[in-house]
Amino acid sequence: MGRLPPALRLVGIGWYFAICIVGGVVGGVLLGKAFDLVPLFTFLGLFLGLAAAFVGGYRLLVDVLSEGRRGGEGES
C-alpha cells in the first residue's frame, strides 16, 4: 500500500496539532484538579502540548515537503 497523498497528510498534521494541544490542556486540568493547582497545571499542559505540536508538526511537514520534492515531478 502506497503512502497517502500530500493533501491528506497535511490534514493529518492539522489533527496532530489539535490532539496535542487539547490533550495537553485536558491533562493539565485533570492533574490540576487532583493536586488543587488548576491554573498552574493547565498552563503547563498547554505549553507542553504546544511544544509537542510544534516539534512533531515540523517533523511531519518536513517529511511531506521532502516527499513532494523527491517524487512529485514525474507523477501525474
PDB file of N, CA and C in Angstrom:
ATOM      1  N   MET A   1       0.843  -1.177   0.000  1.00  0.00           N
ATOM      2  CA  MET A   1       0.000   0.000   0.000  1.00  0.00           C
ATOM      3  C   MET A   1       0.888   1.239   0.000  1.00  0.00           C
ATOM      4  N   GLY A   2       0.589   2.168  -0.908  1.00  0.00           N
ATOM      5  CA  GLY A   2       1.381   3.379  -1.022  1.00  0.00           C
ATOM      6  C   GLY A   2       1.056   4.387   0.066  1.00  0.00           C
ATOM      7  N   ARG A   3       1.837   5.435   0.098  1.00  0.00           N
ATOM      8  CA  ARG A   3       1.630   6.490   1.081  1.00  0.00           C
ATOM      9  C   ARG A   3       0.412   7.311   0.712  1.00  0.00           C
ATOM     10  N   LEU A   4      -0.142   7.984   1.677  1.00  0.00           N
ATOM     11  CA  LEU A   4      -1.296   8.855   1.438  1.00  0.00           C
ATOM     12  C   LEU A   4      -0.879  10.051   0.590  1.00  0.00           C
ATOM     13  N   PRO A   5      -1.822  10.636  -0.149  1.00  0.00           N
ATOM     14  CA  PRO A   5      -1.500  11.844  -0.908  1.00  0.00           C
ATOM     15  C   PRO A   5      -1.111  12.981   0.035  1.00  0.00           C
ATOM     16  N   PRO A   6      -0.308  13.929  -0.455  1.00  0.00           N
ATOM     17  CA  PRO A   6       0.151  15.027   0.404  1.00  0.00           C
ATOM     18  C   PRO A   6      -0.982  15.826   1.036  1.00  0.00           C
ATOM     19  N   ALA A   7      -2.089  16.005   0.343  1.00  0.00           N
ATOM     20  CA  ALA A   7      -3.200  16.779   0.910  1.00  0.00           C
ATOM     21  C   ALA A   7      -3.757  16.090   2.151  1.00  0.00           C
ATOM     22  N   LEU A   8      -3.910  14.788   2.107  1.00  0.00           N
ATOM     23  CA  LEU A   8      -4.414  14.067   3.274  1.00  0.00           C
ATOM     24  C   LEU A   8      -3.397  14.053   4.409  1.00  0.00           C
ATOM     25  N   ARG A   9      -2.131  14.008   4.062  1.00  0.00           N
ATOM     26  CA  ARG A   9      -1.102  14.051   5.097  1.00  0.00           C
ATOM     27  C   ARG A   9      -1.084  15.411   5.785  1.00  0.00           C
ATOM     28  N   LEU A  10      -1.362  16.481   5.042  1.00  0.00           N
ATOM     29  CA  LEU A  10      -1.438  17.803   5.657  1.00  0.00           C
ATOM     30  C   LEU A  10      -2.640  17.919   6.591  1.00  0.00           C
ATOM     31  N   VAL A  11      -3.750  17.298   6.213  1.00  0.00           N
ATOM     32  CA  VAL A  11      -4.911  17.267   7.100  1.00  0.00           C
ATOM     33  C   VAL A  11      -4.544  16.520   8.383  1.00  0.00           C
ATOM     34  N   GLY A  12      -3.790  15.455   8.256  1.00  0.00           N
ATOM     35  CA  GLY A  12      -3.328  14.707   9.420  1.00  0.00           C
ATOM     36  C   GLY A  12      -2.450  15.546  10.333  1.00  0.00           C
ATOM     37  N   ILE A  13      -1.656  16.419   9.765  1.00  0.00           N
ATOM     38  CA  ILE A  13      -0.829  17.309  10.580  1.00  0.00           C
ATOM     39  C   ILE A  13      -1.719  18.259  11.380  1.00  0.00           C
ATOM     40  N   GLY A  14      -2.789  18.732  10.774  1.00  0.00           N
ATOM     41  CA  GLY A  14      -3.728  19.600  11.495  1.00  0.00           C
ATOM     42  C   GLY A  14      -4.364  18.878  12.663  1.00  0.00           C
ATOM     43  N   TRP A  15      -4.764  17.625  12.440  1.00  0.00           N
ATOM     44  CA  TRP A  15      -5.330  16.832  13.532  1.00  0.00           C
ATOM     45  C   TRP A  15      -4.291  16.587  14.610  1.00  0.00           C
ATOM     46  N   TYR A  16      -3.052  16.381  14.220  1.00  0.00           N
ATOM     47  CA  TYR A  16      -1.977  16.165  15.183  1.00  0.00           C
ATOM     48  C   TYR A  16      -1.826  17.385  16.090  1.00  0.00           C
ATOM     49  N   PHE A  17      -1.855  18.584  15.496  1.00  0.00           N
ATOM     50  CA  PHE A  17      -1.779  19.809  16.276  1.00  0.00           C
ATOM     51  C   PHE A  17      -2.927  19.885  17.273  1.00  0.00           C
ATOM     52  N   ALA A  18      -4.139  19.637  16.796  1.00  0.00           N
ATOM     53  CA  ALA A  18      -5.320  19.746  17.658  1.00  0.00           C
ATOM     54  C   ALA A  18      -5.261  18.747  18.805  1.00  0.00           C
ATOM     55  N   ILE A  19      -4.887  17.510  18.517  1.00  0.00           N
ATOM     56  CA  ILE A  19      -4.845  16.487  19.558  1.00  0.00           C
ATOM     57  C   ILE A  19      -3.775  16.802  20.596  1.00  0.00           C
ATOM     58  N   CYS A  20      -2.618  17.273  20.160  1.00  0.00           N
ATOM     59  CA  CYS A  20      -1.553  17.622  21.104  1.00  0.00           C
ATOM     60  C   CYS A  20      -1.979  18.750  22.034  1.00  0.00           C
ATOM     61  N   ILE A  21      -2.568  19.792  21.483  1.00  0.00           N
ATOM     62  CA  ILE A  21      -2.941  20.948  22.291  1.00  0.00           C
ATOM     63  C   ILE A  21      -4.090  20.599  23.226  1.00  0.00           C
ATOM     64  N   VAL A  22      -5.132  19.983  22.702  1.00  0.00           N
ATOM     65  CA  VAL A  22      -6.278  19.624  23.544  1.00  0.00           C
ATOM     66  C   VAL A  22      -5.864  18.595  24.594  1.00  0.00           C
ATOM     67  N   GLY A  23      -5.064  17.628  24.201  1.00  0.00           N
ATOM     68  CA  GLY A  23      -4.597  16.631  25.161  1.00  0.00           C
ATOM     69  C   GLY A  23      -3.771  17.246  26.283  1.00  0.00           C
ATOM     70  N   GLY A  24      -2.922  18.203  25.938  1.00  0.00           N
ATOM     71  CA  GLY A  24      -2.132  18.883  26.965  1.00  0.00           C
ATOM     72  C   GLY A  24      -2.993  19.669  27.936  1.00  0.00           C
ATOM     73  N   VAL A  25      -3.985  20.369  27.415  1.00  0.00           N
ATOM     74  CA  VAL A  25      -4.867  21.164  28.274  1.00  0.00           C
ATOM     75  C   VAL A  25      -5.717  20.250  29.159  1.00  0.00           C
ATOM     76  N   VAL A  26      -6.302  19.215  28.568  1.00  0.00           N
ATOM     77  CA  VAL A  26      -7.136  18.302  29.354  1.00  0.00           C
ATOM     78  C   VAL A  26      -6.298  17.600  30.431  1.00  0.00           C
ATOM     79  N   GLY A  27      -5.119  17.153  30.057  1.00  0.00           N
ATOM     80  CA  GLY A  27      -4.235  16.534  31.042  1.00  0.00           C
ATOM     81  C   GLY A  27      -3.852  17.500  32.150  1.00  0.00           C
ATOM     82  N   GLY A  28      -3.595  18.748  31.788  1.00  0.00           N
ATOM     83  CA  GLY A  28      -3.261  19.751  32.793  1.00  0.00           C
ATOM     84  C   GLY A  28      -4.418  20.044  33.723  1.00  0.00           C
ATOM     85  N   VAL A  29      -5.622  20.115  33.198  1.00  0.00           N
ATOM     86  CA  VAL A  29      -6.798  20.360  34.040  1.00  0.00           C
ATOM     87  C   VAL A  29      -7.012  19.187  34.998  1.00  0.00           C
ATOM     88  N   LEU A  30      -6.898  17.953  34.485  1.00  0.00           N
ATOM     89  CA  LEU A  30      -7.099  16.781  35.347  1.00  0.00           C
ATOM     90  C   LEU A  30      -6.041  16.714  36.451  1.00  0.00           C
ATOM     91  N   LEU A  31      -4.782  16.953  36.098  1.00  0.00           N
ATOM     92  CA  LEU A  31      -3.737  16.970  37.121  1.00  0.00           C
ATOM     93  C   LEU A  31      -3.928  18.129  38.090  1.00  0.00           C
ATOM     94  N   GLY A  32      -4.357  19.272  37.571  1.00  0.00           N
ATOM     95  CA  GLY A  32      -4.589  20.422  38.432  1.00  0.00           C
ATOM     96  C   GLY A  32      -5.692  20.177  39.438  1.00  0.00           C
ATOM     97  N   LYS A  33      -6.748  19.503  39.014  1.00  0.00           N
ATOM     98  CA  LYS A  33      -7.824  19.172  39.956  1.00  0.00           C
ATOM     99  C   LYS A  33      -7.357  18.157  40.994  1.00  0.00           C
ATOM    100  N   ALA A  34      -6.517  17.229  40.587  1.00  0.00           N
ATOM    101  CA  ALA A  34      -6.026  16.212  41.518  1.00  0.00           C
ATOM    102  C   ALA A  34      -5.124  16.822  42.585  1.00  0.00           C
ATOM    103  N   PHE A  35      -4.321  17.812  42.222  1.00  0.00           N
ATOM    104  CA  PHE A  35      -3.383  18.423  43.161  1.00  0.00           C
ATOM    105  C   PHE A  35      -3.810  19.813  43.614  1.00  0.00           C
ATOM    106  N   ASP A  36      -5.021  20.231  43.244  1.00  0.00           N
ATOM    107  CA  ASP A  36      -5.582  21.536  43.615  1.00  0.00           C
ATOM    108  C   ASP A  36      -4.701  22.700  43.134  1.00  0.00           C
ATOM    109  N   LEU A  37      -4.149  22.566  41.932  1.00  0.00           N
ATOM    110  CA  LEU A  37      -3.340  23.608  41.302  1.00  0.00           C
ATOM    111  C   LEU A  37      -3.783  23.764  39.841  1.00  0.00           C
ATOM    112  N   VAL A  38      -5.062  24.038  39.654  1.00  0.00           N
ATOM    113  CA  VAL A  38      -5.639  24.030  38.304  1.00  0.00           C
ATOM    114  C   VAL A  38      -4.946  25.004  37.354  1.00  0.00           C
ATOM    115  N   PRO A  39      -4.777  26.268  37.701  1.00  0.00           N
ATOM    116  CA  PRO A  39      -4.182  27.170  36.696  1.00  0.00           C
ATOM    117  C   PRO A  39      -2.743  26.796  36.330  1.00  0.00           C
ATOM    118  N   LEU A  40      -1.979  26.362  37.299  1.00  0.00           N
ATOM    119  CA  LEU A  40      -0.575  26.035  37.036  1.00  0.00           C
ATOM    120  C   LEU A  40      -0.456  24.852  36.075  1.00  0.00           C
ATOM    121  N   PHE A  41      -1.140  23.767  36.383  1.00  0.00           N
ATOM    122  CA  PHE A  41      -1.039  22.588  35.536  1.00  0.00           C
ATOM    123  C   PHE A  41      -1.739  22.777  34.192  1.00  0.00           C
ATOM    124  N   THR A  42      -2.766  23.623  34.160  1.00  0.00           N
ATOM    125  CA  THR A  42      -3.428  23.898  32.885  1.00  0.00           C
ATOM    126  C   THR A  42      -2.472  24.607  31.933  1.00  0.00           C
ATOM    127  N   PHE A  43      -1.791  25.622  32.436  1.00  0.00           N
ATOM    128  CA  PHE A  43      -0.826  26.328  31.581  1.00  0.00           C
ATOM    129  C   PHE A  43       0.364  25.448  31.238  1.00  0.00           C
ATOM    130  N   LEU A  44       0.798  24.631  32.186  1.00  0.00           N
ATOM    131  CA  LEU A  44       1.901  23.720  31.909  1.00  0.00           C
ATOM    132  C   LEU A  44       1.508  22.717  30.818  1.00  0.00           C
ATOM    133  N   GLY A  45       0.297  22.176  30.916  1.00  0.00           N
ATOM    134  CA  GLY A  45      -0.187  21.256  29.891  1.00  0.00           C
ATOM    135  C   GLY A  45      -0.332  21.935  28.542  1.00  0.00           C
ATOM    136  N   LEU A  46      -0.811  23.175  28.557  1.00  0.00           N
ATOM    137  CA  LEU A  46      -0.944  23.927  27.308  1.00  0.00           C
ATOM    138  C   LEU A  46       0.409  24.129  26.644  1.00  0.00           C
ATOM    139  N   PHE A  47       1.395  24.541  27.412  1.00  0.00           N
ATOM    140  CA  PHE A  47       2.715  24.785  26.831  1.00  0.00           C
ATOM    141  C   PHE A  47       3.385  23.500  26.381  1.00  0.00           C
ATOM    142  N   LEU A  48       3.200  22.414  27.129  1.00  0.00           N
ATOM    143  CA  LEU A  48       3.759  21.134  26.688  1.00  0.00           C
ATOM    144  C   LEU A  48       3.066  20.638  25.421  1.00  0.00           C
ATOM    145  N   GLY A  49       1.740  20.833  25.347  1.00  0.00           N
ATOM    146  CA  GLY A  49       1.005  20.453  24.144  1.00  0.00           C
ATOM    147  C   GLY A  49       1.442  21.271  22.938  1.00  0.00           C
ATOM    148  N   LEU A  50       1.648  22.570  23.150  1.00  0.00           N
ATOM    149  CA  LEU A  50       2.121  23.424  22.061  1.00  0.00           C
ATOM    150  C   LEU A  50       3.519  23.010  21.601  1.00  0.00           C
ATOM    151  N   ALA A  51       4.384  22.692  22.551  1.00  0.00           N
ATOM    152  CA  ALA A  51       5.743  22.276  22.193  1.00  0.00           C
ATOM    153  C   ALA A  51       5.724  20.962  21.423  1.00  0.00           C
ATOM    154  N   ALA A  52       4.925  20.017  21.888  1.00  0.00           N
ATOM    155  CA  ALA A  52       4.824  18.733  21.190  1.00  0.00           C
ATOM    156  C   ALA A  52       4.232  18.921  19.799  1.00  0.00           C
ATOM    157  N   ALA A  53       3.230  19.794  19.676  1.00  0.00           N
ATOM    158  CA  ALA A  53       2.612  20.049  18.376  1.00  0.00           C
ATOM    159  C   ALA A  53       3.613  20.699  17.425  1.00  0.00           C
ATOM    160  N   PHE A  54       4.392  21.640  17.931  1.00  0.00           N
ATOM    161  CA  PHE A  54       5.358  22.322  17.075  1.00  0.00           C
ATOM    162  C   PHE A  54       6.442  21.374  16.584  1.00  0.00           C
ATOM    163  N   VAL A  55       7.023  20.620  17.508  1.00  0.00           N
ATOM    164  CA  VAL A  55       8.124  19.725  17.130  1.00  0.00           C
ATOM    165  C   VAL A  55       7.618  18.620  16.208  1.00  0.00           C
ATOM    166  N   GLY A  56       6.534  17.958  16.597  1.00  0.00           N
ATOM    167  CA  GLY A  56       6.008  16.877  15.772  1.00  0.00           C
ATOM    168  C   GLY A  56       5.465  17.366  14.449  1.00  0.00           C
ATOM    169  N   GLY A  57       4.783  18.515  14.468  1.00  0.00           N
ATOM    170  CA  GLY A  57       4.257  19.084  13.231  1.00  0.00           C
ATOM    171  C   GLY A  57       5.366  19.479  12.275  1.00  0.00           C
ATOM    172  N   TYR A  58       6.437  20.027  12.817  1.00  0.00           N
ATOM    173  CA  TYR A  58       7.580  20.395  11.980  1.00  0.00           C
ATOM    174  C   TYR A  58       8.175  19.157  11.309  1.00  0.00           C
ATOM    175  N   ARG A  59       8.345  18.087  12.087  1.00  0.00           N
ATOM    176  CA  ARG A  59       8.905  16.855  11.518  1.00  0.00           C
ATOM    177  C   ARG A  59       7.993  16.283  10.437  1.00  0.00           C
ATOM    178  N   LEU A  60       6.687  16.269  10.703  1.00  0.00           N
ATOM    179  CA  LEU A  60       5.742  15.746   9.718  1.00  0.00           C
ATOM    180  C   LEU A  60       5.719  16.609   8.458  1.00  0.00           C
ATOM    181  N   LEU A  61       5.760  17.923   8.636  1.00  0.00           N
ATOM    182  CA  LEU A  61       5.730  18.825   7.496  1.00  0.00           C
ATOM    183  C   LEU A  61       6.996  18.694   6.649  1.00  0.00           C
ATOM    184  N   VAL A  62       8.142  18.571   7.284  1.00  0.00           N
ATOM    185  CA  VAL A  62       9.388  18.380   6.542  1.00  0.00           C
ATOM    186  C   VAL A  62       9.324  17.079   5.754  1.00  0.00           C
ATOM    187  N   ASP A  63       8.749  16.032   6.343  1.00  0.00           N
ATOM    188  CA  ASP A  63       8.608  14.751   5.652  1.00  0.00           C
ATOM    189  C   ASP A  63       7.702  14.885   4.429  1.00  0.00           C
ATOM    190  N   VAL A  64       6.585  15.592   4.579  1.00  0.00           N
ATOM    191  CA  VAL A  64       5.667  15.785   3.449  1.00  0.00           C
ATOM    192  C   VAL A  64       6.336  16.589   2.345  1.00  0.00           C
ATOM    193  N   LEU A  65       7.029  17.657   2.720  1.00  0.00           N
ATOM    194  CA  LEU A  65       7.665  18.503   1.709  1.00  0.00           C
ATOM    195  C   LEU A  65       8.809  17.779   1.003  1.00  0.00           C
ATOM    196  N   SER A  66       9.609  17.011   1.726  1.00  0.00           N
ATOM    197  CA  SER A  66      10.717  16.297   1.090  1.00  0.00           C
ATOM    198  C   SER A  66      10.184  15.178   0.191  1.00  0.00           C
ATOM    199  N   GLU A  67       9.086  14.542   0.579  1.00  0.00           N
ATOM    200  CA  GLU A  67       8.459  13.523  -0.277  1.00  0.00           C
ATOM    201  C   GLU A  67       7.945  14.147  -1.561  1.00  0.00           C
ATOM    202  N   GLY A  68       7.377  15.336  -1.461  1.00  0.00           N
ATOM    203  CA  GLY A  68       6.885  16.028  -2.643  1.00  0.00           C
ATOM    204  C   GLY A  68       7.981  16.422  -3.606  1.00  0.00           C
ATOM    205  N   ARG A  69       9.140  16.791  -3.070  1.00  0.00           N
ATOM    206  CA  ARG A  69      10.262  17.164  -3.931  1.00  0.00           C
ATOM    207  C   ARG A  69      10.858  15.961  -4.626  1.00  0.00           C
ATOM    208  N   ARG A  70      10.909  14.833  -3.913  1.00  0.00           N
ATOM    209  CA  ARG A  70      11.523  13.630  -4.488  1.00  0.00           C
ATOM    210  C   ARG A  70      10.643  12.985  -5.547  1.00  0.00           C
ATOM    211  N   GLY A  71       9.342  12.826  -5.262  1.00  0.00           N
ATOM    212  CA  GLY A  71       8.514  12.026  -6.156  1.00  0.00           C
ATOM    213  C   GLY A  71       7.458  12.799  -6.912  1.00  0.00           C
ATOM    214  N   GLY A  72       7.355  14.084  -6.715  1.00  0.00           N
ATOM    215  CA  GLY A  72       6.257  14.835  -7.311  1.00  0.00           C
ATOM    216  C   GLY A  72       6.447  15.254  -8.740  1.00  0.00           C
ATOM    217  N   GLU A  73       7.673  15.216  -9.250  1.00  0.00           N
ATOM    218  CA  GLU A  73       7.914  15.764 -10.594  1.00  0.00           C
ATOM    219  C   GLU A  73       7.444  14.841 -11.710  1.00  0.00           C
ATOM    220  N   GLY A  74       7.641  13.531 -11.564  1.00  0.00           N
ATOM    221  CA  GLY A  74       7.327  12.619 -12.634  1.00  0.00           C
ATOM    222  C   GLY A  74       5.937  11.996 -12.543  1.00  0.00           C
ATOM    223  N   GLU A  75       5.223  12.235 -11.442  1.00  0.00           N
ATOM    224  CA  GLU A  75       3.911  11.610 -11.255  1.00  0.00           C
ATOM    225  C   GLU A  75       2.804  12.478 -11.820  1.00  0.00           C
ATOM    226  N   SER A  76       1.710  11.837 -12.195  1.00  0.00           N
ATOM    227  CA  SER A  76       0.540  12.612 -12.642  1.00  0.00           C
ATOM    228  C   SER A  76      -0.719  12.059 -12.074  1.00  0.00           C
TER     229      SER A  76
END
